[in-house]
Amino acid sequence: MGLKSDGGSPYIEAAFISRNVGERYREALDEVGRETGYEICVRPSANQDRIGAIARDLTPQAWGPRGEPRIYPEASRGVVQVAVAVAVDEGECWAKAASFEEATGFSIEWTPAGS
């Protein structure tokens, strides 16, 4: 969080793991802005390293993750390549995707390696 100026009025920039997560707090940020007299903006950039770490942590080793997760900030999406030799429970996959979205504001896909 920091005080910034773009040549106009100063504003406070609040950093979150992603803009999507920050915007979940828009109402509270607006209230703080009214109380302080500064507009509060959410930093537009995503913390790709942290998002990738969460993707790795949520991908079970049994799924055979391959390489580093790919993070696409412009699409708010992460992709993890996995081995196809493992049967993945669809319910477990949905639960992990929901956890990822809650933590990062991004969607996640697990795709077969080489695709």
PDB file of N, CA and C in Angstrom:
ATOM      1  N   MET A   1       0.853  -1.162   0.000  1.00  0.00           N
ATOM      2  CA  MET A   1       0.000   0.000   0.000  1.00  0.00           C
ATOM      3  C   MET A   1       0.899   1.225   0.000  1.00  0.00           C
ATOM      4  N   GLY A   2       0.557   2.216  -0.791  1.00  0.00           N
ATOM      5  CA  GLY A   2       1.377   3.405  -0.821  1.00  0.00           C
ATOM      6  C   GLY A   2       0.662   4.577  -1.456  1.00  0.00           C
ATOM      7  N   LEU A   3       1.116   5.773  -1.093  1.00  0.00           N
ATOM      8  CA  LEU A   3       0.564   7.004  -1.645  1.00  0.00           C
ATOM      9  C   LEU A   3       1.223   7.260  -2.989  1.00  0.00           C
ATOM     10  N   LYS A   4       0.425   7.506  -4.013  1.00  0.00           N
ATOM     11  CA  LYS A   4       0.914   7.710  -5.375  1.00  0.00           C
ATOM     12  C   LYS A   4       0.306   8.992  -5.936  1.00  0.00           C
ATOM     13  N   SER A   5       0.875   9.414  -7.030  1.00  0.00           N
ATOM     14  CA  SER A   5       0.331  10.553  -7.758  1.00  0.00           C
ATOM     15  C   SER A   5       0.613  10.346  -9.233  1.00  0.00           C
ATOM     16  N   ASP A   6      -0.393  10.545 -10.051  1.00  0.00           N
ATOM     17  CA  ASP A   6      -0.212  10.394 -11.496  1.00  0.00           C
ATOM     18  C   ASP A   6      -0.216  11.755 -12.189  1.00  0.00           C
ATOM     19  N   GLY A   7       0.213  12.770 -11.466  1.00  0.00           N
ATOM     20  CA  GLY A   7       0.193  14.118 -12.008  1.00  0.00           C
ATOM     21  C   GLY A   7      -1.068  14.866 -11.617  1.00  0.00           C
ATOM     22  N   GLY A   8      -2.055  14.144 -11.142  1.00  0.00           N
ATOM     23  CA  GLY A   8      -3.304  14.751 -10.684  1.00  0.00           C
ATOM     24  C   GLY A   8      -3.368  14.672  -9.173  1.00  0.00           C
ATOM     25  N   SER A   9      -4.503  14.269  -8.702  1.00  0.00           N
ATOM     26  CA  SER A   9      -4.702  14.126  -7.260  1.00  0.00           C
ATOM     27  C   SER A   9      -3.961  12.894  -6.740  1.00  0.00           C
ATOM     28  N   PRO A  10      -3.403  13.000  -5.546  1.00  0.00           N
ATOM     29  CA  PRO A  10      -2.762  11.812  -4.965  1.00  0.00           C
ATOM     30  C   PRO A  10      -3.826  10.761  -4.618  1.00  0.00           C
ATOM     31  N   TYR A  11      -3.402   9.519  -4.673  1.00  0.00           N
ATOM     32  CA  TYR A  11      -4.283   8.405  -4.341  1.00  0.00           C
ATOM     33  C   TYR A  11      -3.468   7.331  -3.633  1.00  0.00           C
ATOM     34  N   ILE A  12      -4.153   6.425  -2.986  1.00  0.00           N
ATOM     35  CA  ILE A  12      -3.493   5.303  -2.325  1.00  0.00           C
ATOM     36  C   ILE A  12      -3.651   4.089  -3.213  1.00  0.00           C
ATOM     37  N   GLU A  13      -2.526   3.393  -3.431  1.00  0.00           N
ATOM     38  CA  GLU A  13      -2.568   2.161  -4.218  1.00  0.00           C
ATOM     39  C   GLU A  13      -2.430   0.970  -3.271  1.00  0.00           C
ATOM     40  N   ALA A  14      -3.415   0.091  -3.302  1.00  0.00           N
ATOM     41  CA  ALA A  14      -3.412  -1.105  -2.453  1.00  0.00           C
ATOM     42  C   ALA A  14      -3.035  -2.308  -3.314  1.00  0.00           C
ATOM     43  N   ALA A  15      -2.103  -3.117  -2.825  1.00  0.00           N
ATOM     44  CA  ALA A  15      -1.639  -4.286  -3.565  1.00  0.00           C
ATOM     45  C   ALA A  15      -2.243  -5.560  -2.982  1.00  0.00           C
ATOM     46  N   PHE A  16      -2.738  -6.401  -3.849  1.00  0.00           N
ATOM     47  CA  PHE A  16      -3.278  -7.711  -3.498  1.00  0.00           C
ATOM     48  C   PHE A  16      -2.609  -8.727  -4.415  1.00  0.00           C
ATOM     49  N   ILE A  17      -2.873  -9.996  -4.210  1.00  0.00           N
ATOM     50  CA  ILE A  17      -2.286 -11.028  -5.068  1.00  0.00           C
ATOM     51  C   ILE A  17      -2.718 -10.817  -6.524  1.00  0.00           C
ATOM     52  N   SER A  18      -3.912 -10.290  -6.715  1.00  0.00           N
ATOM     53  CA  SER A  18      -4.384  -9.942  -8.055  1.00  0.00           C
ATOM     54  C   SER A  18      -5.430  -8.837  -7.931  1.00  0.00           C
ATOM     55  N   ARG A  19      -5.658  -8.166  -9.034  1.00  0.00           N
ATOM     56  CA  ARG A  19      -6.692  -7.120  -9.057  1.00  0.00           C
ATOM     57  C   ARG A  19      -8.054  -7.720  -8.712  1.00  0.00           C
ATOM     58  N   ASN A  20      -8.307  -8.945  -9.187  1.00  0.00           N
ATOM     59  CA  ASN A  20      -9.591  -9.595  -8.932  1.00  0.00           C
ATOM     60  C   ASN A  20      -9.837  -9.741  -7.433  1.00  0.00           C
ATOM     61  N   VAL A  21      -8.821 -10.147  -6.694  1.00  0.00           N
ATOM     62  CA  VAL A  21      -8.967 -10.283  -5.238  1.00  0.00           C
ATOM     63  C   VAL A  21      -9.168  -8.906  -4.616  1.00  0.00           C
ATOM     64  N   GLY A  22      -8.390  -7.928  -5.027  1.00  0.00           N
ATOM     65  CA  GLY A  22      -8.519  -6.582  -4.486  1.00  0.00           C
ATOM     66  C   GLY A  22      -9.901  -5.996  -4.677  1.00  0.00           C
ATOM     67  N   GLU A  23     -10.492  -6.240  -5.828  1.00  0.00           N
ATOM     68  CA  GLU A  23     -11.818  -5.683  -6.106  1.00  0.00           C
ATOM     69  C   GLU A  23     -12.899  -6.311  -5.234  1.00  0.00           C
ATOM     70  N   ARG A  24     -12.627  -7.468  -4.644  1.00  0.00           N
ATOM     71  CA  ARG A  24     -13.581  -8.056  -3.689  1.00  0.00           C
ATOM     72  C   ARG A  24     -13.769  -7.141  -2.479  1.00  0.00           C
ATOM     73  N   TYR A  25     -12.783  -6.312  -2.242  1.00  0.00           N
ATOM     74  CA  TYR A  25     -12.794  -5.415  -1.080  1.00  0.00           C
ATOM     75  C   TYR A  25     -13.164  -3.978  -1.469  1.00  0.00           C
ATOM     76  N   ARG A  26     -13.730  -3.799  -2.651  1.00  0.00           N
ATOM     77  CA  ARG A  26     -14.026  -2.464  -3.171  1.00  0.00           C
ATOM     78  C   ARG A  26     -14.853  -1.643  -2.189  1.00  0.00           C
ATOM     79  N   GLU A  27     -15.888  -2.215  -1.627  1.00  0.00           N
ATOM     80  CA  GLU A  27     -16.749  -1.457  -0.708  1.00  0.00           C
ATOM     81  C   GLU A  27     -15.949  -0.944   0.489  1.00  0.00           C
ATOM     82  N   ALA A  28     -15.138  -1.803   1.089  1.00  0.00           N
ATOM     83  CA  ALA A  28     -14.325  -1.399   2.244  1.00  0.00           C
ATOM     84  C   ALA A  28     -13.279  -0.366   1.827  1.00  0.00           C
ATOM     85  N   LEU A  29     -12.676  -0.543   0.661  1.00  0.00           N
ATOM     86  CA  LEU A  29     -11.672   0.420   0.177  1.00  0.00           C
ATOM     87  C   LEU A  29     -12.313   1.789  -0.061  1.00  0.00           C
ATOM     88  N   ASP A  30     -13.505   1.774  -0.629  1.00  0.00           N
ATOM     89  CA  ASP A  30     -14.201   3.041  -0.857  1.00  0.00           C
ATOM     90  C   ASP A  30     -14.524   3.731   0.466  1.00  0.00           C
ATOM     91  N   GLU A  31     -14.916   2.959   1.467  1.00  0.00           N
ATOM     92  CA  GLU A  31     -15.217   3.526   2.786  1.00  0.00           C
ATOM     93  C   GLU A  31     -13.960   4.151   3.393  1.00  0.00           C
ATOM     94  N   VAL A  32     -12.841   3.446   3.327  1.00  0.00           N
ATOM     95  CA  VAL A  32     -11.577   4.004   3.840  1.00  0.00           C
ATOM     96  C   VAL A  32     -11.205   5.250   3.047  1.00  0.00           C
ATOM     97  N   GLY A  33     -11.445   5.225   1.756  1.00  0.00           N
ATOM     98  CA  GLY A  33     -11.170   6.399   0.929  1.00  0.00           C
ATOM     99  C   GLY A  33     -11.985   7.608   1.355  1.00  0.00           C
ATOM    100  N   ARG A  34     -13.257   7.388   1.644  1.00  0.00           N
ATOM    101  CA  ARG A  34     -14.092   8.494   2.119  1.00  0.00           C
ATOM    102  C   ARG A  34     -13.573   9.033   3.452  1.00  0.00           C
ATOM    103  N   GLU A  35     -13.139   8.130   4.327  1.00  0.00           N
ATOM    104  CA  GLU A  35     -12.648   8.547   5.642  1.00  0.00           C
ATOM    105  C   GLU A  35     -11.306   9.276   5.566  1.00  0.00           C
ATOM    106  N   THR A  36     -10.438   8.883   4.626  1.00  0.00           N
ATOM    107  CA  THR A  36      -9.103   9.493   4.535  1.00  0.00           C
ATOM    108  C   THR A  36      -9.045  10.666   3.574  1.00  0.00           C
ATOM    109  N   GLY A  37     -10.009  10.730   2.672  1.00  0.00           N
ATOM    110  CA  GLY A  37      -9.993  11.791   1.667  1.00  0.00           C
ATOM    111  C   GLY A  37      -9.150  11.432   0.441  1.00  0.00           C
ATOM    112  N   TYR A  38      -8.644  10.213   0.392  1.00  0.00           N
ATOM    113  CA  TYR A  38      -7.870   9.748  -0.765  1.00  0.00           C
ATOM    114  C   TYR A  38      -8.640   8.654  -1.494  1.00  0.00           C
ATOM    115  N   GLU A  39      -8.614   8.710  -2.820  1.00  0.00           N
ATOM    116  CA  GLU A  39      -9.140   7.591  -3.598  1.00  0.00           C
ATOM    117  C   GLU A  39      -8.211   6.404  -3.374  1.00  0.00           C
ATOM    118  N   ILE A  40      -8.781   5.215  -3.253  1.00  0.00           N
ATOM    119  CA  ILE A  40      -7.960   4.019  -3.100  1.00  0.00           C
ATOM    120  C   ILE A  40      -8.139   3.156  -4.340  1.00  0.00           C
ATOM    121  N   CYS A  41      -7.029   2.943  -5.039  1.00  0.00           N
ATOM    122  CA  CYS A  41      -7.014   2.133  -6.255  1.00  0.00           C
ATOM    123  C   CYS A  41      -6.343   0.799  -5.958  1.00  0.00           C
ATOM    124  N   VAL A  42      -6.779  -0.229  -6.654  1.00  0.00           N
ATOM    125  CA  VAL A  42      -6.157  -1.544  -6.535  1.00  0.00           C
ATOM    126  C   VAL A  42      -5.081  -1.640  -7.613  1.00  0.00           C
ATOM    127  N   ARG A  43      -3.890  -2.056  -7.188  1.00  0.00           N
ATOM    128  CA  ARG A  43      -2.784  -2.224  -8.146  1.00  0.00           C
ATOM    129  C   ARG A  43      -3.232  -3.192  -9.242  1.00  0.00           C
ATOM    130  N   PRO A  44      -3.034  -2.820 -10.503  1.00  0.00           N
ATOM    131  CA  PRO A  44      -3.524  -3.672 -11.588  1.00  0.00           C
ATOM    132  C   PRO A  44      -2.700  -4.937 -11.828  1.00  0.00           C
ATOM    133  N   SER A  45      -1.460  -4.967 -11.377  1.00  0.00           N
ATOM    134  CA  SER A  45      -0.618  -6.131 -11.662  1.00  0.00           C
ATOM    135  C   SER A  45      -0.884  -7.268 -10.682  1.00  0.00           C
ATOM    136  N   ALA A  46      -0.632  -8.484 -11.145  1.00  0.00           N
ATOM    137  CA  ALA A  46      -0.800  -9.681 -10.321  1.00  0.00           C
ATOM    138  C   ALA A  46       0.559 -10.167  -9.845  1.00  0.00           C
ATOM    139  N   ASN A  47       0.586 -10.784  -8.676  1.00  0.00           N
ATOM    140  CA  ASN A  47       1.809 -11.376  -8.137  1.00  0.00           C
ATOM    141  C   ASN A  47       1.932 -12.778  -8.743  1.00  0.00           C
ATOM    142  N   GLN A  48       2.546 -12.835  -9.923  1.00  0.00           N
ATOM    143  CA  GLN A  48       2.616 -14.090 -10.668  1.00  0.00           C
ATOM    144  C   GLN A  48       3.407 -15.167  -9.938  1.00  0.00           C
ATOM    145  N   ASP A  49       4.452 -14.783  -9.211  1.00  0.00           N
ATOM    146  CA  ASP A  49       5.228 -15.776  -8.468  1.00  0.00           C
ATOM    147  C   ASP A  49       4.364 -16.451  -7.414  1.00  0.00           C
ATOM    148  N   ARG A  50       3.605 -15.662  -6.666  1.00  0.00           N
ATOM    149  CA  ARG A  50       2.751 -16.220  -5.613  1.00  0.00           C
ATOM    150  C   ARG A  50       1.621 -17.054  -6.211  1.00  0.00           C
ATOM    151  N   ILE A  51       1.049 -16.598  -7.294  1.00  0.00           N
ATOM    152  CA  ILE A  51      -0.023 -17.347  -7.955  1.00  0.00           C
ATOM    153  C   ILE A  51       0.513 -18.691  -8.447  1.00  0.00           C
ATOM    154  N   GLY A  52       1.713 -18.688  -9.036  1.00  0.00           N
ATOM    155  CA  GLY A  52       2.335 -19.937  -9.483  1.00  0.00           C
ATOM    156  C   GLY A  52       2.609 -20.880  -8.328  1.00  0.00           C
ATOM    157  N   ALA A  53       3.053 -20.332  -7.190  1.00  0.00           N
ATOM    158  CA  ALA A  53       3.324 -21.161  -6.011  1.00  0.00           C
ATOM    159  C   ALA A  53       2.038 -21.820  -5.508  1.00  0.00           C
ATOM    160  N   ILE A  54       0.943 -21.078  -5.515  1.00  0.00           N
ATOM    161  CA  ILE A  54      -0.335 -21.649  -5.078  1.00  0.00           C
ATOM    162  C   ILE A  54      -0.783 -22.738  -6.044  1.00  0.00           C
ATOM    163  N   ALA A  55      -0.587 -22.513  -7.345  1.00  0.00           N
ATOM    164  CA  ALA A  55      -0.927 -23.538  -8.344  1.00  0.00           C
ATOM    165  C   ALA A  55      -0.120 -24.811  -8.105  1.00  0.00           C
ATOM    166  N   ARG A  56       1.174 -24.663  -7.826  1.00  0.00           N
ATOM    167  CA  ARG A  56       2.012 -25.836  -7.533  1.00  0.00           C
ATOM    168  C   ARG A  56       1.530 -26.549  -6.272  1.00  0.00           C
ATOM    169  N   ASP A  57       1.228 -25.768  -5.228  1.00  0.00           N
ATOM    170  CA  ASP A  57       0.799 -26.357  -3.957  1.00  0.00           C
ATOM    171  C   ASP A  57      -0.524 -27.117  -4.092  1.00  0.00           C
ATOM    172  N   LEU A  58      -1.415 -26.645  -4.940  1.00  0.00           N
ATOM    173  CA  LEU A  58      -2.720 -27.292  -5.100  1.00  0.00           C
ATOM    174  C   LEU A  58      -2.697 -28.484  -6.053  1.00  0.00           C
ATOM    175  N   THR A  59      -1.611 -28.659  -6.798  1.00  0.00           N
ATOM    176  CA  THR A  59      -1.516 -29.757  -7.755  1.00  0.00           C
ATOM    177  C   THR A  59      -0.843 -30.954  -7.087  1.00  0.00           C
ATOM    178  N   PRO A  60      -1.597 -32.023  -6.838  1.00  0.00           N
ATOM    179  CA  PRO A  60      -1.004 -33.185  -6.180  1.00  0.00           C
ATOM    180  C   PRO A  60       0.125 -33.804  -7.010  1.00  0.00           C
ATOM    181  N   GLN A  61       1.144 -34.281  -6.340  1.00  0.00           N
ATOM    182  CA  GLN A  61       2.246 -34.953  -7.034  1.00  0.00           C
ATOM    183  C   GLN A  61       1.737 -36.167  -7.804  1.00  0.00           C
ATOM    184  N   ALA A  62       0.676 -36.794  -7.318  1.00  0.00           N
ATOM    185  CA  ALA A  62       0.107 -37.964  -7.989  1.00  0.00           C
ATOM    186  C   ALA A  62      -0.403 -37.634  -9.393  1.00  0.00           C
ATOM    187  N   TRP A  63      -0.692 -36.354  -9.635  1.00  0.00           N
ATOM    188  CA  TRP A  63      -1.151 -35.945 -10.963  1.00  0.00           C
ATOM    189  C   TRP A  63       0.014 -35.766 -11.929  1.00  0.00           C
ATOM    190  N   GLY A  64       1.230 -35.805 -11.418  1.00  0.00           N
ATOM    191  CA  GLY A  64       2.422 -35.703 -12.268  1.00  0.00           C
ATOM    192  C   GLY A  64       2.629 -34.339 -12.878  1.00  0.00           C
ATOM    193  N   PRO A  65       2.697 -33.276 -12.059  1.00  0.00           N
ATOM    194  CA  PRO A  65       2.913 -31.942 -12.630  1.00  0.00           C
ATOM    195  C   PRO A  65       4.206 -31.883 -13.431  1.00  0.00           C
ATOM    196  N   ARG A  66       4.168 -31.187 -14.542  1.00  0.00           N
ATOM    197  CA  ARG A  66       5.314 -31.053 -15.435  1.00  0.00           C
ATOM    198  C   ARG A  66       5.679 -29.585 -15.582  1.00  0.00           C
ATOM    199  N   GLY A  67       6.883 -29.222 -15.195  1.00  0.00           N
ATOM    200  CA  GLY A  67       7.354 -27.850 -15.359  1.00  0.00           C
ATOM    201  C   GLY A  67       6.670 -26.875 -14.418  1.00  0.00           C
ATOM    202  N   GLU A  68       6.907 -25.620 -14.677  1.00  0.00           N
ATOM    203  CA  GLU A  68       6.331 -24.543 -13.872  1.00  0.00           C
ATOM    204  C   GLU A  68       4.939 -24.189 -14.382  1.00  0.00           C
ATOM    205  N   PRO A  69       4.049 -23.791 -13.478  1.00  0.00           N
ATOM    206  CA  PRO A  69       2.735 -23.325 -13.930  1.00  0.00           C
ATOM    207  C   PRO A  69       2.888 -22.108 -14.850  1.00  0.00           C
ATOM    208  N   ARG A  70       2.020 -22.026 -15.803  1.00  0.00           N
ATOM    209  CA  ARG A  70       1.978 -20.857 -16.690  1.00  0.00           C
ATOM    210  C   ARG A  70       0.883 -19.937 -16.180  1.00  0.00           C
ATOM    211  N   ILE A  71       1.226 -18.675 -16.004  1.00  0.00           N
ATOM    212  CA  ILE A  71       0.273 -17.698 -15.477  1.00  0.00           C
ATOM    213  C   ILE A  71      -0.017 -16.682 -16.586  1.00  0.00           C
ATOM    214  N   TYR A  72      -1.291 -16.459 -16.854  1.00  0.00           N
ATOM    215  CA  TYR A  72      -1.740 -15.527 -17.887  1.00  0.00           C
ATOM    216  C   TYR A  72      -2.560 -14.419 -17.222  1.00  0.00           C
ATOM    217  N   PRO A  73      -1.881 -13.355 -16.753  1.00  0.00           N
ATOM    218  CA  PRO A  73      -2.592 -12.288 -16.026  1.00  0.00           C
ATOM    219  C   PRO A  73      -3.718 -11.640 -16.829  1.00  0.00           C
ATOM    220  N   GLU A  74      -3.504 -11.454 -18.124  1.00  0.00           N
ATOM    221  CA  GLU A  74      -4.519 -10.779 -18.940  1.00  0.00           C
ATOM    222  C   GLU A  74      -5.805 -11.594 -19.031  1.00  0.00           C
ATOM    223  N   ALA A  75      -5.712 -12.905 -18.840  1.00  0.00           N
ATOM    224  CA  ALA A  75      -6.874 -13.789 -18.871  1.00  0.00           C
ATOM    225  C   ALA A  75      -7.282 -14.251 -17.466  1.00  0.00           C
ATOM    226  N   SER A  76      -6.550 -13.799 -16.443  1.00  0.00           N
ATOM    227  CA  SER A  76      -6.800 -14.228 -15.058  1.00  0.00           C
ATOM    228  C   SER A  76      -6.871 -15.752 -14.971  1.00  0.00           C
ATOM    229  N   ARG A  77      -5.807 -16.391 -15.490  1.00  0.00           N
ATOM    230  CA  ARG A  77      -5.827 -17.851 -15.607  1.00  0.00           C
ATOM    231  C   ARG A  77      -4.442 -18.427 -15.356  1.00  0.00           C
ATOM    232  N   GLY A  78      -4.423 -19.591 -14.728  1.00  0.00           N
ATOM    233  CA  GLY A  78      -3.206 -20.357 -14.555  1.00  0.00           C
ATOM    234  C   GLY A  78      -3.367 -21.711 -15.206  1.00  0.00           C
ATOM    235  N   VAL A  79      -2.273 -22.246 -15.760  1.00  0.00           N
ATOM    236  CA  VAL A  79      -2.307 -23.555 -16.405  1.00  0.00           C
ATOM    237  C   VAL A  79      -1.148 -24.380 -15.861  1.00  0.00           C
ATOM    238  N   VAL A  80      -1.469 -25.604 -15.422  1.00  0.00           N
ATOM    239  CA  VAL A  80      -0.459 -26.536 -14.944  1.00  0.00           C
ATOM    240  C   VAL A  80      -0.518 -27.768 -15.835  1.00  0.00           C
ATOM    241  N   GLN A  81       0.616 -28.122 -16.427  1.00  0.00           N
ATOM    242  CA  GLN A  81       0.656 -29.339 -17.238  1.00  0.00           C
ATOM    243  C   GLN A  81       0.896 -30.528 -16.318  1.00  0.00           C
ATOM    244  N   VAL A  82       0.135 -31.609 -16.569  1.00  0.00           N
ATOM    245  CA  VAL A  82       0.230 -32.818 -15.754  1.00  0.00           C
ATOM    246  C   VAL A  82       0.335 -34.043 -16.656  1.00  0.00           C
ATOM    247  N   ALA A  83       0.837 -35.142 -16.076  1.00  0.00           N
ATOM    248  CA  ALA A  83       0.891 -36.408 -16.801  1.00  0.00           C
ATOM    249  C   ALA A  83      -0.532 -36.917 -16.998  1.00  0.00           C
ATOM    250  N   VAL A  84      -0.777 -37.587 -18.090  1.00  0.00           N
ATOM    251  CA  VAL A  84      -2.132 -38.090 -18.361  1.00  0.00           C
ATOM    252  C   VAL A  84      -2.329 -39.507 -17.843  1.00  0.00           C
ATOM    253  N   ALA A  85      -1.285 -40.130 -17.282  1.00  0.00           N
ATOM    254  CA  ALA A  85      -1.380 -41.518 -16.832  1.00  0.00           C
ATOM    255  C   ALA A  85      -2.190 -41.665 -15.552  1.00  0.00           C
ATOM    256  N   VAL A  86      -2.561 -40.568 -14.935  1.00  0.00           N
ATOM    257  CA  VAL A  86      -3.254 -40.613 -13.651  1.00  0.00           C
ATOM    258  C   VAL A  86      -4.720 -40.217 -13.847  1.00  0.00           C
ATOM    259  N   ALA A  87      -5.617 -41.021 -13.313  1.00  0.00           N
ATOM    260  CA  ALA A  87      -7.036 -40.674 -13.348  1.00  0.00           C
ATOM    261  C   ALA A  87      -7.294 -39.618 -12.275  1.00  0.00           C
ATOM    262  N   VAL A  88      -7.874 -38.505 -12.671  1.00  0.00           N
ATOM    263  CA  VAL A  88      -8.130 -37.404 -11.745  1.00  0.00           C
ATOM    264  C   VAL A  88      -9.613 -37.379 -11.401  1.00  0.00           C
ATOM    265  N   ASP A  89      -9.913 -37.379 -10.115  1.00  0.00           N
ATOM    266  CA  ASP A  89     -11.289 -37.304  -9.645  1.00  0.00           C
ATOM    267  C   ASP A  89     -11.842 -35.919  -9.981  1.00  0.00           C
ATOM    268  N   GLU A  90     -12.956 -35.875 -10.701  1.00  0.00           N
ATOM    269  CA  GLU A  90     -13.521 -34.595 -11.143  1.00  0.00           C
ATOM    270  C   GLU A  90     -13.939 -33.719  -9.963  1.00  0.00           C
ATOM    271  N   GLY A  91     -14.497 -34.333  -8.917  1.00  0.00           N
ATOM    272  CA  GLY A  91     -14.888 -33.566  -7.731  1.00  0.00           C
ATOM    273  C   GLY A  91     -13.688 -32.928  -7.055  1.00  0.00           C
ATOM    274  N   GLU A  92     -12.592 -33.668  -6.959  1.00  0.00           N
ATOM    275  CA  GLU A  92     -11.365 -33.122  -6.367  1.00  0.00           C
ATOM    276  C   GLU A  92     -10.833 -31.971  -7.217  1.00  0.00           C
ATOM    277  N   CYS A  93     -10.910 -32.137  -8.521  1.00  0.00           N
ATOM    278  CA  CYS A  93     -10.445 -31.097  -9.440  1.00  0.00           C
ATOM    279  C   CYS A  93     -11.263 -29.817  -9.253  1.00  0.00           C
ATOM    280  N   TRP A  94     -12.585 -29.940  -9.174  1.00  0.00           N
ATOM    281  CA  TRP A  94     -13.455 -28.771  -8.978  1.00  0.00           C
ATOM    282  C   TRP A  94     -13.151 -28.084  -7.656  1.00  0.00           C
ATOM    283  N   ALA A  95     -12.946 -28.877  -6.598  1.00  0.00           N
ATOM    284  CA  ALA A  95     -12.657 -28.311  -5.275  1.00  0.00           C
ATOM    285  C   ALA A  95     -11.334 -27.544  -5.294  1.00  0.00           C
ATOM    286  N   LYS A  96     -10.331 -28.107  -5.945  1.00  0.00           N
ATOM    287  CA  LYS A  96      -9.033 -27.436  -6.030  1.00  0.00           C
ATOM    288  C   LYS A  96      -9.135 -26.159  -6.862  1.00  0.00           C
ATOM    289  N   ALA A  97      -9.905 -26.211  -7.937  1.00  0.00           N
ATOM    290  CA  ALA A  97     -10.093 -25.021  -8.773  1.00  0.00           C
ATOM    291  C   ALA A  97     -10.794 -23.918  -7.988  1.00  0.00           C
ATOM    292  N   ALA A  98     -11.778 -24.289  -7.167  1.00  0.00           N
ATOM    293  CA  ALA A  98     -12.485 -23.301  -6.350  1.00  0.00           C
ATOM    294  C   ALA A  98     -11.546 -22.698  -5.308  1.00  0.00           C
ATOM    295  N   SER A  99     -10.698 -23.508  -4.706  1.00  0.00           N
ATOM    296  CA  SER A  99      -9.716 -23.004  -3.733  1.00  0.00           C
ATOM    297  C   SER A  99      -8.739 -22.041  -4.397  1.00  0.00           C
ATOM    298  N   PHE A 100      -8.308 -22.382  -5.608  1.00  0.00           N
ATOM    299  CA  PHE A 100      -7.375 -21.529  -6.344  1.00  0.00           C
ATOM    300  C   PHE A 100      -8.025 -20.184  -6.660  1.00  0.00           C
ATOM    301  N   GLU A 101      -9.260 -20.221  -7.122  1.00  0.00           N
ATOM    302  CA  GLU A 101      -9.966 -18.985  -7.463  1.00  0.00           C
ATOM    303  C   GLU A 101     -10.167 -18.113  -6.226  1.00  0.00           C
ATOM    304  N   GLU A 102     -10.507 -18.732  -5.116  1.00  0.00           N
ATOM    305  CA  GLU A 102     -10.701 -17.981  -3.879  1.00  0.00           C
ATOM    306  C   GLU A 102      -9.399 -17.301  -3.443  1.00  0.00           C
ATOM    307  N   ALA A 103      -8.287 -18.012  -3.546  1.00  0.00           N
ATOM    308  CA  ALA A 103      -6.998 -17.489  -3.091  1.00  0.00           C
ATOM    309  C   ALA A 103      -6.396 -16.460  -4.034  1.00  0.00           C
ATOM    310  N   THR A 104      -6.647 -16.615  -5.334  1.00  0.00           N
ATOM    311  CA  THR A 104      -5.919 -15.798  -6.319  1.00  0.00           C
ATOM    312  C   THR A 104      -6.793 -14.902  -7.185  1.00  0.00           C
ATOM    313  N   GLY A 105      -8.076 -15.226  -7.297  1.00  0.00           N
ATOM    314  CA  GLY A 105      -8.935 -14.502  -8.234  1.00  0.00           C
ATOM    315  C   GLY A 105      -8.779 -14.989  -9.664  1.00  0.00           C
ATOM    316  N   PHE A 106      -7.983 -16.040  -9.867  1.00  0.00           N
ATOM    317  CA  PHE A 106      -7.723 -16.605 -11.190  1.00  0.00           C
ATOM    318  C   PHE A 106      -8.397 -17.976 -11.302  1.00  0.00           C
ATOM    319  N   SER A 107      -8.682 -18.374 -12.537  1.00  0.00           N
ATOM    320  CA  SER A 107      -9.097 -19.744 -12.788  1.00  0.00           C
ATOM    321  C   SER A 107      -7.842 -20.589 -13.001  1.00  0.00           C
ATOM    322  N   ILE A 108      -7.995 -21.891 -12.937  1.00  0.00           N
ATOM    323  CA  ILE A 108      -6.861 -22.790 -13.157  1.00  0.00           C
ATOM    324  C   ILE A 108      -7.299 -23.942 -14.040  1.00  0.00           C
ATOM    325  N   GLU A 109      -6.376 -24.392 -14.855  1.00  0.00           N
ATOM    326  CA  GLU A 109      -6.609 -25.567 -15.699  1.00  0.00           C
ATOM    327  C   GLU A 109      -5.447 -26.514 -15.506  1.00  0.00           C
ATOM    328  N   TRP A 110      -5.766 -27.807 -15.502  1.00  0.00           N
ATOM    329  CA  TRP A 110      -4.739 -28.832 -15.520  1.00  0.00           C
ATOM    330  C   TRP A 110      -4.847 -29.488 -16.881  1.00  0.00           C
ATOM    331  N   THR A 111      -3.794 -29.403 -17.682  1.00  0.00           N
ATOM    332  CA  THR A 111      -3.823 -29.930 -19.040  1.00  0.00           C
ATOM    333  C   THR A 111      -2.777 -31.019 -19.197  1.00  0.00           C
ATOM    334  N   PRO A 112      -3.018 -31.963 -20.097  1.00  0.00           N
ATOM    335  CA  PRO A 112      -2.015 -33.004 -20.341  1.00  0.00           C
ATOM    336  C   PRO A 112      -0.718 -32.398 -20.868  1.00  0.00           C
ATOM    337  N   ALA A 113       0.410 -32.860 -20.353  1.00  0.00           N
ATOM    338  CA  ALA A 113       1.712 -32.372 -20.819  1.00  0.00           C
ATOM    339  C   ALA A 113       1.836 -32.576 -22.319  1.00  0.00           C
ATOM    340  N   GLY A 114       2.395 -31.594 -22.976  1.00  0.00           N
ATOM    341  CA  GLY A 114       2.585 -31.668 -24.413  1.00  0.00           C
ATOM    342  C   GLY A 114       1.421 -31.156 -25.226  1.00  0.00           C
ATOM    343  N   SER A 115       0.368 -30.705 -24.563  1.00  0.00           N
ATOM    344  CA  SER A 115      -0.772 -30.194 -25.346  1.00  0.00           C
ATOM    345  C   SER A 115      -0.751 -28.695 -25.431  1.00  0.00           C
TER     346      SER A 115
END
